[in-house]
């Protein structure tokens, strides 16, 4: 036996050690993970059509955060796209249309009487539609109409550049702000560019953010950043919008991410978390940052922009909800990215 052990190459030993650490971290590092792993195995034995391939269980991020009914092609998952995307971009190869375009999802809560029409109106939503439609990478634009006022008829919406399809979707629960993350059949691209109706971006900034995301498809890439911190005086986690030398969240009012996270947000997160977002009418962007950081164990990526987002005083509700999410995830799921070592891409200085 000693001779057999010594005959194993050092590289092989290192690979086995790394794999054992990976499996321990994903399935056995806490009582919660052991319980969830056991329940997932039992569930797969009962519902055999939900069986997950061994490659899913033995590779990061593991079988606990992989939805079997999302896709039959593992390469369509965000963490499996990174290598193929990087290789394709490095060699100058052409990827399929799905990977070279994004779907813009604009969340609109326009109040009654807002000047959406006529088409010559300079309202923020119409301006954003024109800016996004000029992007060379946009496949279609979806407006999630969560306003209390009726959806305007098609004749009152503008014609977009290059005939980009425009779809207006009315969510079933308008008051549920989490509806912006609901999976839609209209979203056929892997990339989802999530925007608030008052987002102030240029077309070049939108294209730049998408270009960065193609190198990091498993992460959230966007513009407005926030950070969490430990408040010694209150003995709890806090949340701030002040510009500092670090960040741990990128808000989804102007961010791009993989559409798989829509499925995880809707189908994987527990009802208590959804109820918290519904009751606060806020903090859905904080929750999805917790979710993505929990899955990837990595911070989001901030893209620089002309400073358009003001540092506002956050409400007590926002702070308390952020603290609740931290308690729910048991550990501090969010990861800080520090300047200047963080992934912060300056507009115009990436490539």
Protein backbone atom coordinates (compact mmCIF):
# COMPACT_ATOMS: atom_id res chain seq x y z
CA UNK A 1 0.00 0.00 0.00
CA UNK A 2 2.74 2.57 0.78
CA UNK A 3 4.25 1.92 -2.66
CA UNK A 4 0.89 2.45 -4.32
CA UNK A 5 0.37 5.70 -2.42
CA UNK A 6 3.84 6.97 -3.30
CA UNK A 7 3.27 6.12 -6.96
CA UNK A 8 0.47 8.69 -7.23
CA UNK A 9 1.74 11.87 -8.82
CA UNK A 10 1.77 15.05 -6.76
CA UNK A 11 -0.55 16.78 -9.23
CA UNK A 12 -3.10 13.99 -8.78
CA UNK A 13 -2.88 14.23 -4.99
CA UNK A 14 -3.42 17.98 -5.16
CA UNK A 15 -6.43 17.55 -7.46
CA UNK A 16 -7.97 15.01 -5.07
CA UNK A 17 -7.40 17.31 -2.12
CA UNK A 18 -9.04 20.19 -3.93
CA UNK A 19 -12.01 18.04 -4.89
CA UNK A 20 -12.46 16.80 -1.32
CA UNK A 21 -12.38 20.41 -0.08
CA UNK A 22 -14.96 21.36 -2.70
CA UNK A 23 -17.32 18.53 -1.72
CA UNK A 24 -16.89 19.26 1.98
CA UNK A 25 -17.67 22.95 1.46
CA UNK A 26 -20.74 22.33 -0.73
CA UNK A 27 -22.36 19.51 1.23
CA UNK A 28 -20.80 18.84 4.66
CA UNK A 29 -19.43 22.12 6.06
CA UNK A 30 -22.45 22.76 8.30
CA UNK A 31 -25.46 21.01 9.77
CA UNK A 32 -27.70 22.96 7.40
CA UNK A 33 -25.79 21.79 4.33
CA UNK A 34 -25.86 18.17 5.50
CA UNK A 35 -29.63 18.38 6.01
CA UNK A 36 -30.25 20.09 2.66
CA UNK A 37 -28.02 17.57 0.88
CA UNK A 38 -29.88 14.65 2.46
CA UNK A 39 -33.27 16.11 1.58
CA UNK A 40 -32.19 16.78 -2.00
CA UNK A 41 -30.98 13.19 -2.45
CA UNK A 42 -34.27 11.86 -1.06
CA UNK A 43 -36.22 14.21 -3.34
CA UNK A 44 -34.36 12.98 -6.40
CA UNK A 45 -35.02 9.36 -5.52
CA UNK A 46 -38.74 10.08 -5.17
CA UNK A 47 -38.97 12.30 -8.26
CA UNK A 48 -36.56 10.57 -10.59
CA UNK A 49 -37.29 12.97 -13.45
CA UNK A 50 -35.47 15.60 -11.37
CA UNK A 51 -32.31 13.50 -11.19
CA UNK A 52 -29.10 15.52 -11.54
CA UNK A 53 -26.04 14.31 -13.37
CA UNK A 54 -22.99 13.35 -11.32
CA UNK A 55 -21.05 16.17 -12.96
CA UNK A 56 -23.44 18.63 -11.35
CA UNK A 57 -22.89 17.20 -7.87
CA UNK A 58 -19.11 17.04 -8.27
CA UNK A 59 -18.53 20.52 -9.68
CA UNK A 60 -19.01 24.01 -8.30
CA UNK A 61 -21.46 25.34 -7.17
CA UNK A 62 -23.02 21.90 -6.72
CA UNK A 63 -26.37 20.18 -6.83
CA UNK A 64 -28.10 22.24 -4.16
CA UNK A 65 -28.34 25.38 -6.31
CA UNK A 66 -28.84 23.77 -9.72
CA UNK A 67 -32.42 23.57 -10.97
CA UNK A 68 -32.85 20.42 -13.10
CA UNK A 69 -35.86 21.79 -14.96
CA UNK A 70 -34.06 24.95 -16.11
CA UNK A 71 -32.03 23.37 -18.89
CA UNK A 72 -30.78 20.00 -20.11
CA UNK A 73 -27.56 21.63 -21.31
CA UNK A 74 -25.06 22.31 -18.48
CA UNK A 75 -23.18 24.82 -20.64
CA UNK A 76 -26.22 27.13 -20.44
CA UNK A 77 -25.68 27.64 -16.72
CA UNK A 78 -23.82 30.85 -15.82
CA UNK A 79 -20.83 29.24 -14.10
CA UNK A 80 -20.25 26.89 -17.05
CA UNK A 81 -20.30 29.70 -19.59
CA UNK A 82 -17.28 31.57 -18.30
CA UNK A 83 -14.60 29.34 -19.79
CA UNK A 84 -16.26 28.93 -23.17
CA UNK A 85 -16.99 32.65 -23.37
CA UNK A 86 -13.43 33.63 -22.51
CA UNK A 87 -11.98 31.19 -25.02
CA UNK A 88 -14.30 32.37 -27.77
CA UNK A 89 -13.58 36.03 -27.14
CA UNK A 90 -9.83 35.41 -26.97
CA UNK A 91 -9.78 33.60 -30.29
CA UNK A 92 -12.11 36.05 -31.97
CA UNK A 93 -14.66 33.32 -32.65
CA UNK A 94 -18.32 33.92 -33.24
CA UNK A 95 -20.87 32.86 -30.66
CA UNK A 96 -24.50 32.20 -31.28
CA UNK A 97 -27.07 34.97 -31.25
CA UNK A 98 -28.24 34.01 -27.78
CA UNK A 99 -24.84 34.72 -26.24
CA UNK A 100 -24.03 37.85 -28.25
CA UNK A 101 -27.17 39.77 -27.28
CA UNK A 102 -29.11 40.76 -24.19
CA UNK A 103 -32.73 41.35 -23.27
CA UNK A 104 -33.46 44.65 -21.56
CA UNK A 105 -36.06 44.40 -18.79
CA UNK A 106 -37.26 47.84 -17.69
CA UNK A 107 -39.30 48.02 -14.50
CA UNK A 108 -41.82 50.86 -14.68
CA UNK A 109 -43.97 52.21 -11.86
CA UNK A 110 -45.18 55.33 -13.64
CA UNK A 111 -47.77 57.26 -11.72
CA UNK A 112 -51.10 58.19 -13.23
CA UNK A 113 -50.76 61.21 -15.47
CA UNK A 114 -47.07 60.67 -16.25
CA UNK A 115 -46.21 62.01 -19.72
CA UNK A 116 -45.57 58.77 -21.53
CA UNK A 117 -47.21 60.05 -24.68
CA UNK A 118 -47.05 61.45 -27.27
CA UNK A 119 -44.02 59.75 -28.76
CA UNK A 120 -42.20 63.08 -28.79
CA UNK A 121 -42.38 63.25 -25.00
CA UNK A 122 -39.09 63.60 -23.17
CA UNK A 123 -40.15 61.46 -20.21
CA UNK A 124 -37.46 59.26 -18.62
CA UNK A 125 -39.01 55.98 -19.77
CA UNK A 126 -39.20 57.04 -23.42
CA UNK A 127 -35.68 58.41 -23.26
CA UNK A 128 -34.40 55.13 -21.82
CA UNK A 129 -36.21 53.13 -24.50
CA UNK A 130 -34.47 55.11 -27.21
CA UNK A 131 -31.06 54.80 -25.53
CA UNK A 132 -31.35 51.03 -25.10
CA UNK A 133 -32.72 50.45 -28.61
CA UNK A 134 -29.60 52.03 -30.09
CA UNK A 135 -27.41 49.34 -28.52
CA UNK A 136 -25.82 46.99 -31.03
CA UNK A 137 -26.38 44.04 -28.67
CA UNK A 138 -30.02 44.39 -27.61
CA UNK A 139 -32.31 41.60 -28.84
CA UNK A 140 -35.57 42.95 -27.45
CA UNK A 141 -36.91 45.23 -24.76
CA UNK A 142 -39.46 44.13 -22.16
CA UNK A 143 -41.22 46.75 -20.05
CA UNK A 144 -42.69 45.34 -16.83
CA UNK A 145 -45.64 47.71 -16.38
CA UNK A 146 -46.23 47.78 -12.62
CA UNK A 147 -48.04 51.11 -12.63
CA UNK A 148 -51.52 51.51 -11.16
CA UNK A 149 -52.57 53.28 -14.34
CA UNK A 150 -53.71 51.16 -17.33
CA UNK A 151 -51.14 49.99 -19.83
CA UNK A 152 -51.02 52.44 -22.78
CA UNK A 153 -52.12 50.99 -26.14
CA UNK A 154 -49.45 50.01 -28.69
CA UNK A 155 -50.10 53.15 -30.73
CA UNK A 156 -48.81 55.30 -27.89
CA UNK A 157 -45.42 53.60 -27.68
CA UNK A 158 -42.54 54.80 -29.85
CA UNK A 159 -41.06 52.96 -32.81
CA UNK A 160 -37.58 51.81 -31.85
CA UNK A 161 -34.32 51.87 -33.74
CA UNK A 162 -33.67 48.96 -36.13
CA UNK A 163 -37.12 47.53 -35.42
CA UNK A 164 -36.13 46.22 -31.97
CA UNK A 165 -39.15 44.33 -30.56
CA UNK A 166 -40.85 46.06 -27.64
CA UNK A 167 -43.09 44.06 -25.30
CA UNK A 168 -45.19 45.45 -22.46
CA UNK A 169 -45.85 42.92 -19.69
CA UNK A 170 -48.32 43.53 -16.88
CA UNK A 171 -47.38 41.42 -13.82
CA UNK A 172 -50.06 39.45 -12.02
CA UNK A 173 -49.19 41.18 -8.76
CA UNK A 174 -48.33 44.79 -9.52
CA UNK A 175 -47.53 45.60 -5.91
CA UNK A 176 -44.96 42.80 -5.74
CA UNK A 177 -41.68 44.41 -6.73
CA UNK A 178 -40.09 40.97 -7.02
CA UNK A 179 -42.09 40.49 -10.24
CA UNK A 180 -39.23 42.14 -12.10
CA UNK A 181 -37.27 38.91 -11.57
CA UNK A 182 -39.98 36.54 -12.71
CA UNK A 183 -38.86 34.23 -15.57
CA UNK A 184 -40.46 35.21 -18.87
CA UNK A 185 -40.65 33.25 -22.11
CA UNK A 186 -39.86 36.53 -23.87
CA UNK A 187 -36.34 36.42 -22.40
CA UNK A 188 -34.50 34.16 -24.83
CA UNK A 189 -30.99 35.51 -24.26
CA UNK A 190 -28.78 34.44 -21.38
CA UNK A 191 -28.05 38.06 -20.49
CA UNK A 192 -30.71 40.17 -18.80
CA UNK A 193 -30.10 43.90 -18.51
CA UNK A 194 -32.26 45.02 -15.60
CA UNK A 195 -33.13 48.72 -15.59
CA UNK A 196 -35.30 51.09 -13.61
CA UNK A 197 -37.30 53.46 -15.77
CA UNK A 198 -35.31 56.45 -14.49
CA UNK A 199 -31.87 54.91 -15.16
CA UNK A 200 -29.55 57.50 -16.69
CA UNK A 201 -27.18 55.58 -18.93
CA UNK A 202 -25.79 56.18 -22.38
CA UNK A 203 -25.82 53.59 -25.15
CA UNK A 204 -22.04 53.29 -24.94
CA UNK A 205 -22.23 52.58 -21.20
CA UNK A 206 -24.84 49.88 -21.80
CA UNK A 207 -22.70 48.20 -24.47
CA UNK A 208 -19.63 48.47 -22.24
CA UNK A 209 -21.38 46.80 -19.30
CA UNK A 210 -22.52 43.95 -21.55
CA UNK A 211 -18.98 43.54 -22.87
CA UNK A 212 -17.69 43.20 -19.29
CA UNK A 213 -20.46 40.75 -18.34
CA UNK A 214 -19.53 38.39 -21.17
CA UNK A 215 -16.26 37.77 -19.33
CA UNK A 216 -18.03 37.21 -15.99
CA UNK A 217 -21.43 35.65 -16.84
CA UNK A 218 -21.86 34.15 -13.38
CA UNK A 219 -21.79 37.53 -11.62
CA UNK A 220 -23.89 40.67 -11.42
CA UNK A 221 -22.28 43.48 -13.40
CA UNK A 222 -23.62 46.98 -13.06
CA UNK A 223 -23.32 50.61 -12.09
CA UNK A 224 -24.84 51.72 -8.74
CA UNK A 225 -22.91 50.01 -5.93
CA UNK A 226 -23.67 49.65 -2.23
CA UNK A 227 -21.89 48.08 0.71
CA UNK A 228 -22.75 46.43 4.00
CA UNK A 229 -20.86 46.91 7.24
CA UNK A 230 -20.89 45.87 10.86
CA UNK A 231 -22.32 48.54 13.18
CA UNK A 232 -20.60 48.14 16.55
CA UNK A 233 -22.97 50.54 18.28
CA UNK A 234 -26.08 48.62 17.24
CA UNK A 235 -24.50 45.19 17.18
CA UNK A 236 -25.88 44.34 13.76
CA UNK A 237 -25.15 44.57 10.05
CA UNK A 238 -25.82 47.87 8.32
CA UNK A 239 -26.19 49.00 4.71
CA UNK A 240 -25.00 52.22 3.13
CA UNK A 241 -25.06 54.00 -0.20
CA UNK A 242 -22.09 56.23 0.59
CA UNK A 243 -19.22 56.12 -1.87
CA UNK A 244 -16.36 54.30 -0.15
CA UNK A 245 -13.32 52.30 -1.17
CA UNK A 246 -15.27 49.05 -1.19
CA UNK A 247 -18.63 47.63 -2.21
CA UNK A 248 -20.53 44.36 -1.82
CA UNK A 249 -23.69 44.91 -3.87
CA UNK A 250 -24.61 46.22 -7.30
CA UNK A 251 -28.21 47.37 -7.51
CA UNK A 252 -30.40 45.97 -10.25
CA UNK A 253 -31.70 49.37 -11.29
CA UNK A 254 -28.87 49.31 -13.83
CA UNK A 255 -27.22 45.90 -13.89
CA UNK A 256 -26.77 42.87 -16.10
CA UNK A 257 -26.83 39.25 -15.02
CA UNK A 258 -27.68 35.73 -16.22
CA UNK A 259 -31.36 34.88 -16.63
CA UNK A 260 -30.84 31.70 -14.57
CA UNK A 261 -30.97 33.90 -11.48
CA UNK A 262 -34.58 34.75 -12.32
CA UNK A 263 -35.40 31.06 -11.96
CA UNK A 264 -33.42 30.76 -8.72
CA UNK A 265 -35.02 33.89 -7.28
CA UNK A 266 -38.54 32.73 -8.10
CA UNK A 267 -38.35 28.98 -7.50
CA UNK A 268 -35.43 28.40 -5.12
CA UNK A 269 -35.76 31.11 -2.48
CA UNK A 270 -38.15 30.39 0.36
CA UNK A 271 -41.57 32.03 0.81
CA UNK A 272 -40.42 33.91 3.92
CA UNK A 273 -37.86 35.86 1.90
CA UNK A 274 -40.40 36.68 -0.81
CA UNK A 275 -42.88 37.78 1.86
CA UNK A 276 -40.28 40.10 3.39
CA UNK A 277 -39.70 41.81 0.03
CA UNK A 278 -43.44 42.07 -0.59
CA UNK A 279 -44.11 43.66 2.79
CA UNK A 280 -41.26 46.15 2.52
CA UNK A 281 -42.04 47.02 -1.13
CA UNK A 282 -38.29 47.31 -1.48
CA UNK A 283 -34.99 45.46 -1.10
CA UNK A 284 -35.50 42.97 -3.94
CA UNK A 285 -32.13 44.07 -5.31
CA UNK A 286 -30.49 43.35 -1.96
CA UNK A 287 -32.02 39.88 -1.92
CA UNK A 288 -30.82 38.96 -5.40
CA UNK A 289 -27.32 40.14 -4.45
CA UNK A 290 -27.44 37.82 -1.45
CA UNK A 291 -28.60 35.03 -3.73
CA UNK A 292 -25.90 35.44 -6.38
CA UNK A 293 -23.13 35.85 -3.79
CA UNK A 294 -24.40 32.76 -1.96
CA UNK A 295 -24.19 30.74 -5.17
CA UNK A 296 -20.91 32.06 -6.60
CA UNK A 297 -19.05 33.03 -3.39
CA UNK A 298 -17.86 36.09 -5.31
CA UNK A 299 -18.69 39.80 -5.18
CA UNK A 300 -20.44 41.60 -8.02
CA UNK A 301 -18.55 43.71 -10.53
CA UNK A 302 -18.95 47.46 -10.64
CA UNK A 303 -18.66 49.37 -13.90
CA UNK A 304 -17.75 53.03 -13.63
CA UNK A 305 -20.11 55.71 -14.86
CA UNK A 306 -20.68 59.42 -14.72
CA UNK A 307 -21.91 59.85 -11.15
CA UNK A 308 -25.68 59.97 -11.51
CA UNK A 309 -26.85 58.12 -8.43
CA UNK A 310 -27.06 60.30 -5.34
CA UNK A 311 -26.10 58.98 -1.92
CA UNK A 312 -29.45 58.99 -0.19
CA UNK A 313 -30.37 58.36 3.41
CA UNK A 314 -31.61 54.81 3.54
CA UNK A 315 -34.79 54.03 5.41
CA UNK A 316 -34.93 52.00 8.58
CA UNK A 317 -36.93 49.41 6.63
CA UNK A 318 -34.09 48.93 4.15
CA UNK A 319 -31.56 48.50 6.94
CA UNK A 320 -33.73 46.07 8.89
CA UNK A 321 -34.49 43.97 5.81
CA UNK A 322 -30.79 43.78 4.94
CA UNK A 323 -30.11 42.61 8.49
CA UNK A 324 -32.90 40.00 8.20
CA UNK A 325 -31.42 38.62 4.97
CA UNK A 326 -28.06 38.28 6.71
CA UNK A 327 -29.66 36.34 9.55
CA UNK A 328 -31.64 34.15 7.15
CA UNK A 329 -28.56 33.14 5.15
CA UNK A 330 -26.93 32.26 8.50
CA UNK A 331 -23.53 33.51 7.36
CA UNK A 332 -22.45 36.72 5.67
CA UNK A 333 -23.19 35.72 2.08
CA UNK A 334 -22.14 39.06 0.62
CA UNK A 335 -18.49 39.51 -0.28
CA UNK A 336 -16.67 42.82 -0.28
CA UNK A 337 -14.64 44.00 -3.25
CA UNK A 338 -11.98 46.53 -2.28
CA UNK A 339 -10.48 49.32 -4.34
CA UNK A 340 -8.08 49.29 -6.10
CA UNK A 341 -7.93 45.49 -6.21
CA UNK A 342 -11.63 45.06 -6.97
CA UNK A 343 -13.07 44.31 -10.38
CA UNK A 344 -14.03 47.88 -11.26
CA UNK A 345 -13.94 48.54 -14.97
CA UNK A 346 -13.55 52.13 -16.08
CA UNK A 347 -15.66 53.10 -19.03
CA UNK A 348 -13.38 53.40 -22.04
CA UNK A 349 -10.39 51.65 -20.41
CA UNK A 350 -11.31 47.96 -20.50
CA UNK A 351 -9.82 46.77 -23.77
